[in-house]
């Protein structure tokens, strides 16, 4: 049986020769018989000289993948976009406030009131539904009373939305 033995300077392929393998009268060195010797040139690596030397590969950063770069917009265009978005947000916020406060709704209940001296339809609307939008209340009063315009006379009876 052949065995590889590593020594300080080389590797040796040896055969454990026994007494049956030795011919009479032949001089034989005691111990295993060396079949082949491999000299080591690189003592730190301890590899046979017939084996190719490994290449030193340094780890490198991967190549950056080319990706599409989005063109940047002009700062004035960006500012205009942000200003438009802010104005739209403010308008939506104010509409939400008006809706939640109930100022846009006209009361459903009605009441009969008489126009006072020096009052206009606008003044009657503010007096009858103070928590509502006066424009909407004026439109509702004109609809309820079938008024062609906004002219009223003192003492005239009007059906108006009644809100508190």
C-alpha atoms as a PDB file:
ATOM      1  CA  UNK A   1       0.000   0.000   0.000  1.00  0.00           C
ATOM      2  CA  UNK A   2       1.350   3.443  -0.975  1.00  0.00           C
ATOM      3  CA  UNK A   3       1.118   6.386   1.428  1.00  0.00           C
ATOM      4  CA  UNK A   4       1.903  10.097   1.019  1.00  0.00           C
ATOM      5  CA  UNK A   5       4.036  11.420   3.846  1.00  0.00           C
ATOM      6  CA  UNK A   6       4.686  15.104   4.301  1.00  0.00           C
ATOM      7  CA  UNK A   7       8.088  16.191   5.506  1.00  0.00           C
ATOM      8  CA  UNK A   8       9.492  19.622   6.226  1.00  0.00           C
ATOM      9  CA  UNK A   9      10.687  20.262   2.680  1.00  0.00           C
ATOM     10  CA  UNK A  10       8.752  17.811   0.546  1.00  0.00           C
ATOM     11  CA  UNK A  11       6.116  15.154   0.184  1.00  0.00           C
ATOM     12  CA  UNK A  12       7.073  11.531  -0.371  1.00  0.00           C
ATOM     13  CA  UNK A  13       4.993   8.775  -1.850  1.00  0.00           C
ATOM     14  CA  UNK A  14       6.219   5.716   0.073  1.00  0.00           C
ATOM     15  CA  UNK A  15       5.459   2.046   0.020  1.00  0.00           C
ATOM     16  CA  UNK A  16       5.554   0.121   3.237  1.00  0.00           C
ATOM     17  CA  UNK A  17       7.814  -2.669   2.023  1.00  0.00           C
ATOM     18  CA  UNK A  18       7.811  -5.756   4.181  1.00  0.00           C
ATOM     19  CA  UNK A  19      10.208  -8.687   4.374  1.00  0.00           C
ATOM     20  CA  UNK A  20       8.403 -10.560   1.606  1.00  0.00           C
ATOM     21  CA  UNK A  21       9.124  -7.709  -0.866  1.00  0.00           C
ATOM     22  CA  UNK A  22      12.890  -7.703  -0.293  1.00  0.00           C
ATOM     23  CA  UNK A  23      15.058  -9.925  -2.498  1.00  0.00           C
ATOM     24  CA  UNK A  24      17.907 -11.724  -0.799  1.00  0.00           C
ATOM     25  CA  UNK A  25      21.243 -10.042  -1.080  1.00  0.00           C
ATOM     26  CA  UNK A  26      19.839  -6.715  -2.239  1.00  0.00           C
ATOM     27  CA  UNK A  27      20.781  -3.795  -0.095  1.00  0.00           C
ATOM     28  CA  UNK A  28      17.775  -2.085   1.311  1.00  0.00           C
ATOM     29  CA  UNK A  29      17.615   0.851   3.499  1.00  0.00           C
ATOM     30  CA  UNK A  30      15.595   0.107   6.600  1.00  0.00           C
ATOM     31  CA  UNK A  31      12.165   1.747   6.736  1.00  0.00           C
ATOM     32  CA  UNK A  32       9.670   2.561   4.025  1.00  0.00           C
ATOM     33  CA  UNK A  33      10.727   2.607   0.397  1.00  0.00           C
ATOM     34  CA  UNK A  34      10.296   6.020  -1.347  1.00  0.00           C
ATOM     35  CA  UNK A  35       8.481   5.648  -4.619  1.00  0.00           C
ATOM     36  CA  UNK A  36       8.352   9.336  -5.612  1.00  0.00           C
ATOM     37  CA  UNK A  37       9.504  12.627  -4.080  1.00  0.00           C
ATOM     38  CA  UNK A  38       7.731  15.972  -4.529  1.00  0.00           C
ATOM     39  CA  UNK A  39       9.839  19.021  -3.722  1.00  0.00           C
ATOM     40  CA  UNK A  40       8.050  21.954  -2.239  1.00  0.00           C
ATOM     41  CA  UNK A  41       9.011  25.340  -3.684  1.00  0.00           C
ATOM     42  CA  UNK A  42       6.461  27.365  -1.709  1.00  0.00           C
ATOM     43  CA  UNK A  43       7.129  26.237   1.858  1.00  0.00           C
ATOM     44  CA  UNK A  44       4.273  28.320   3.260  1.00  0.00           C
ATOM     45  CA  UNK A  45       1.696  26.707   0.997  1.00  0.00           C
ATOM     46  CA  UNK A  46       3.062  23.123   1.145  1.00  0.00           C
ATOM     47  CA  UNK A  47       1.797  22.079  -2.231  1.00  0.00           C
ATOM     48  CA  UNK A  48       3.518  19.803  -4.765  1.00  0.00           C
ATOM     49  CA  UNK A  49       5.484  21.633  -7.453  1.00  0.00           C
ATOM     50  CA  UNK A  50       3.521  19.824 -10.177  1.00  0.00           C
ATOM     51  CA  UNK A  51       0.242  21.277  -9.026  1.00  0.00           C
ATOM     52  CA  UNK A  52      -0.491  24.705 -10.533  1.00  0.00           C
ATOM     53  CA  UNK A  53      -0.151  27.632  -8.197  1.00  0.00           C
ATOM     54  CA  UNK A  54      -3.508  29.089  -7.104  1.00  0.00           C
ATOM     55  CA  UNK A  55      -4.222  32.558  -8.369  1.00  0.00           C
ATOM     56  CA  UNK A  56      -4.556  35.272  -5.799  1.00  0.00           C
ATOM     57  CA  UNK A  57      -7.988  36.741  -6.367  1.00  0.00           C
ATOM     58  CA  UNK A  58      -8.691  39.951  -4.550  1.00  0.00           C
ATOM     59  CA  UNK A  59     -12.317  40.559  -3.686  1.00  0.00           C
ATOM     60  CA  UNK A  60     -13.495  43.553  -5.640  1.00  0.00           C
ATOM     61  CA  UNK A  61     -16.624  45.594  -5.374  1.00  0.00           C
ATOM     62  CA  UNK A  62     -19.248  44.556  -7.873  1.00  0.00           C
ATOM     63  CA  UNK A  63     -19.582  46.693 -10.946  1.00  0.00           C
ATOM     64  CA  UNK A  64     -22.330  49.251 -10.497  1.00  0.00           C
ATOM     65  CA  UNK A  65     -25.351  48.400 -12.552  1.00  0.00           C
ATOM     66  CA  UNK A  66     -26.246  51.105 -14.977  1.00  0.00           C
ATOM     67  CA  UNK A  67     -29.706  52.325 -14.157  1.00  0.00           C
ATOM     68  CA  UNK A  68     -31.838  54.899 -15.802  1.00  0.00           C
ATOM     69  CA  UNK A  69     -31.372  58.339 -14.278  1.00  0.00           C
ATOM     70  CA  UNK A  70     -34.509  60.397 -14.135  1.00  0.00           C
ATOM     71  CA  UNK A  71     -33.936  63.916 -15.424  1.00  0.00           C
ATOM     72  CA  UNK A  72     -34.273  66.609 -12.771  1.00  0.00           C
ATOM     73  CA  UNK A  73     -36.833  69.319 -13.225  1.00  0.00           C
ATOM     74  CA  UNK A  74     -36.036  72.988 -13.133  1.00  0.00           C
ATOM     75  CA  UNK A  75     -36.337  74.405  -9.581  1.00  0.00           C
ATOM     76  CA  UNK A  76     -39.012  76.906 -10.676  1.00  0.00           C
ATOM     77  CA  UNK A  77     -41.162  74.055 -12.008  1.00  0.00           C
ATOM     78  CA  UNK A  78     -40.677  72.134  -8.760  1.00  0.00           C
ATOM     79  CA  UNK A  79     -41.629  75.206  -6.722  1.00  0.00           C
ATOM     80  CA  UNK A  80     -44.761  75.768  -8.819  1.00  0.00           C
ATOM     81  CA  UNK A  81     -45.754  72.126  -8.339  1.00  0.00           C
ATOM     82  CA  UNK A  82     -45.261  72.271  -4.585  1.00  0.00           C
ATOM     83  CA  UNK A  83     -47.129  75.603  -4.333  1.00  0.00           C
ATOM     84  CA  UNK A  84     -50.056  74.172  -6.304  1.00  0.00           C
ATOM     85  CA  UNK A  85     -50.151  71.095  -4.092  1.00  0.00           C
ATOM     86  CA  UNK A  86     -50.087  73.270  -0.943  1.00  0.00           C
ATOM     87  CA  UNK A  87     -52.909  75.509  -2.241  1.00  0.00           C
ATOM     88  CA  UNK A  88     -55.007  72.474  -3.125  1.00  0.00           C
ATOM     89  CA  UNK A  89     -54.404  70.996   0.315  1.00  0.00           C
ATOM     90  CA  UNK A  90     -55.420  74.280   1.997  1.00  0.00           C
ATOM     91  CA  UNK A  91     -58.610  74.475  -0.098  1.00  0.00           C
ATOM     92  CA  UNK A  92     -59.566  70.911   0.769  1.00  0.00           C
ATOM     93  CA  UNK A  93     -58.856  71.562   4.429  1.00  0.00           C
ATOM     94  CA  UNK A  94     -61.071  74.671   4.440  1.00  0.00           C
ATOM     95  CA  UNK A  95     -63.883  72.786   2.697  1.00  0.00           C
ATOM     96  CA  UNK A  96     -63.599  70.051   5.283  1.00  0.00           C
ATOM     97  CA  UNK A  97     -63.832  72.643   8.061  1.00  0.00           C
ATOM     98  CA  UNK A  98     -66.888  74.260   6.481  1.00  0.00           C
ATOM     99  CA  UNK A  99     -68.577  70.896   6.035  1.00  0.00           C
ATOM    100  CA  UNK A 100     -67.912  69.824   9.618  1.00  0.00           C
ATOM    101  CA  UNK A 101     -69.075  73.162  11.048  1.00  0.00           C
ATOM    102  CA  UNK A 102     -72.388  72.939   9.195  1.00  0.00           C
ATOM    103  CA  UNK A 103     -72.008  76.402   7.655  1.00  0.00           C
ATOM    104  CA  UNK A 104     -72.784  75.147   4.156  1.00  0.00           C
ATOM    105  CA  UNK A 105     -76.054  73.508   5.073  1.00  0.00           C
ATOM    106  CA  UNK A 106     -79.365  75.329   5.048  1.00  0.00           C
ATOM    107  CA  UNK A 107     -81.793  74.285   7.790  1.00  0.00           C
ATOM    108  CA  UNK A 108     -84.742  72.158   6.683  1.00  0.00           C
ATOM    109  CA  UNK A 109     -87.221  73.629   9.166  1.00  0.00           C
ATOM    110  CA  UNK A 110     -89.046  76.733   8.023  1.00  0.00           C
ATOM    111  CA  UNK A 111     -90.647  79.655   9.761  1.00  0.00           C
ATOM    112  CA  UNK A 112     -92.655  82.680   8.669  1.00  0.00           C
ATOM    113  CA  UNK A 113     -91.049  86.058   9.376  1.00  0.00           C
ATOM    114  CA  UNK A 114     -91.948  89.638   8.431  1.00  0.00           C
ATOM    115  CA  UNK A 115     -89.460  91.959   6.781  1.00  0.00           C
ATOM    116  CA  UNK A 116     -88.467  94.874   9.051  1.00  0.00           C
ATOM    117  CA  UNK A 117     -87.953  98.465   7.892  1.00  0.00           C
ATOM    118  CA  UNK A 118     -84.560  98.861   6.133  1.00  0.00           C
ATOM    119  CA  UNK A 119     -83.903  95.115   5.855  1.00  0.00           C
ATOM    120  CA  UNK A 120     -82.769  93.397   2.690  1.00  0.00           C
ATOM    121  CA  UNK A 121     -83.165  89.744   1.764  1.00  0.00           C
ATOM    122  CA  UNK A 122     -79.572  89.244   2.913  1.00  0.00           C
ATOM    123  CA  UNK A 123     -80.363  90.677   6.357  1.00  0.00           C
ATOM    124  CA  UNK A 124     -83.427  88.427   6.672  1.00  0.00           C
ATOM    125  CA  UNK A 125     -81.279  85.410   5.770  1.00  0.00           C
ATOM    126  CA  UNK A 126     -78.655  86.279   8.398  1.00  0.00           C
ATOM    127  CA  UNK A 127     -81.372  86.834  11.034  1.00  0.00           C
ATOM    128  CA  UNK A 128     -83.246  83.599  10.312  1.00  0.00           C
ATOM    129  CA  UNK A 129     -80.240  81.208   9.980  1.00  0.00           C
ATOM    130  CA  UNK A 130     -77.130  82.813  11.542  1.00  0.00           C
ATOM    131  CA  UNK A 131     -75.032  79.612  11.512  1.00  0.00           C
ATOM    132  CA  UNK A 132     -75.514  78.996   7.778  1.00  0.00           C
ATOM    133  CA  UNK A 133     -74.042  80.496   4.638  1.00  0.00           C
ATOM    134  CA  UNK A 134     -76.112  83.631   3.824  1.00  0.00           C
ATOM    135  CA  UNK A 135     -75.833  83.096   0.030  1.00  0.00           C
ATOM    136  CA  UNK A 136     -77.325  79.606   0.342  1.00  0.00           C
ATOM    137  CA  UNK A 137     -80.081  80.858   2.681  1.00  0.00           C
ATOM    138  CA  UNK A 138     -80.977  83.716   0.286  1.00  0.00           C
ATOM    139  CA  UNK A 139     -81.242  81.217  -2.567  1.00  0.00           C
ATOM    140  CA  UNK A 140     -83.459  78.966  -0.424  1.00  0.00           C
ATOM    141  CA  UNK A 141     -85.713  81.914   0.594  1.00  0.00           C
ATOM    142  CA  UNK A 142     -86.155  82.912  -3.072  1.00  0.00           C
ATOM    143  CA  UNK A 143     -87.005  79.294  -3.911  1.00  0.00           C
ATOM    144  CA  UNK A 144     -89.522  78.909  -1.044  1.00  0.00           C
ATOM    145  CA  UNK A 145     -91.301  82.206  -1.815  1.00  0.00           C
ATOM    146  CA  UNK A 146     -90.981  82.123  -5.632  1.00  0.00           C
ATOM    147  CA  UNK A 147     -89.302  85.539  -5.683  1.00  0.00           C
ATOM    148  CA  UNK A 148     -88.003  86.667  -9.110  1.00  0.00           C
ATOM    149  CA  UNK A 149     -85.440  89.061  -7.568  1.00  0.00           C
ATOM    150  CA  UNK A 150     -84.145  90.075  -4.188  1.00  0.00           C
ATOM    151  CA  UNK A 151     -86.490  93.050  -3.682  1.00  0.00           C
ATOM    152  CA  UNK A 152     -88.569  92.935  -0.496  1.00  0.00           C
ATOM    153  CA  UNK A 153     -90.851  95.511   1.155  1.00  0.00           C
ATOM    154  CA  UNK A 154     -91.220  96.182   4.885  1.00  0.00           C
ATOM    155  CA  UNK A 155     -93.971  94.095   6.475  1.00  0.00           C
ATOM    156  CA  UNK A 156     -93.819  91.394   3.727  1.00  0.00           C
ATOM    157  CA  UNK A 157     -94.299  87.855   5.112  1.00  0.00           C
ATOM    158  CA  UNK A 158     -91.608  85.396   3.977  1.00  0.00           C
ATOM    159  CA  UNK A 159     -91.183  81.671   4.521  1.00  0.00           C
ATOM    160  CA  UNK A 160     -87.533  81.301   5.615  1.00  0.00           C
ATOM    161  CA  UNK A 161     -85.308  78.449   6.830  1.00  0.00           C
ATOM    162  CA  UNK A 162     -85.239  78.518  10.601  1.00  0.00           C
ATOM    163  CA  UNK A 163     -81.870  77.738  12.186  1.00  0.00           C
ATOM    164  CA  UNK A 164     -80.459  78.401  15.607  1.00  0.00           C
END
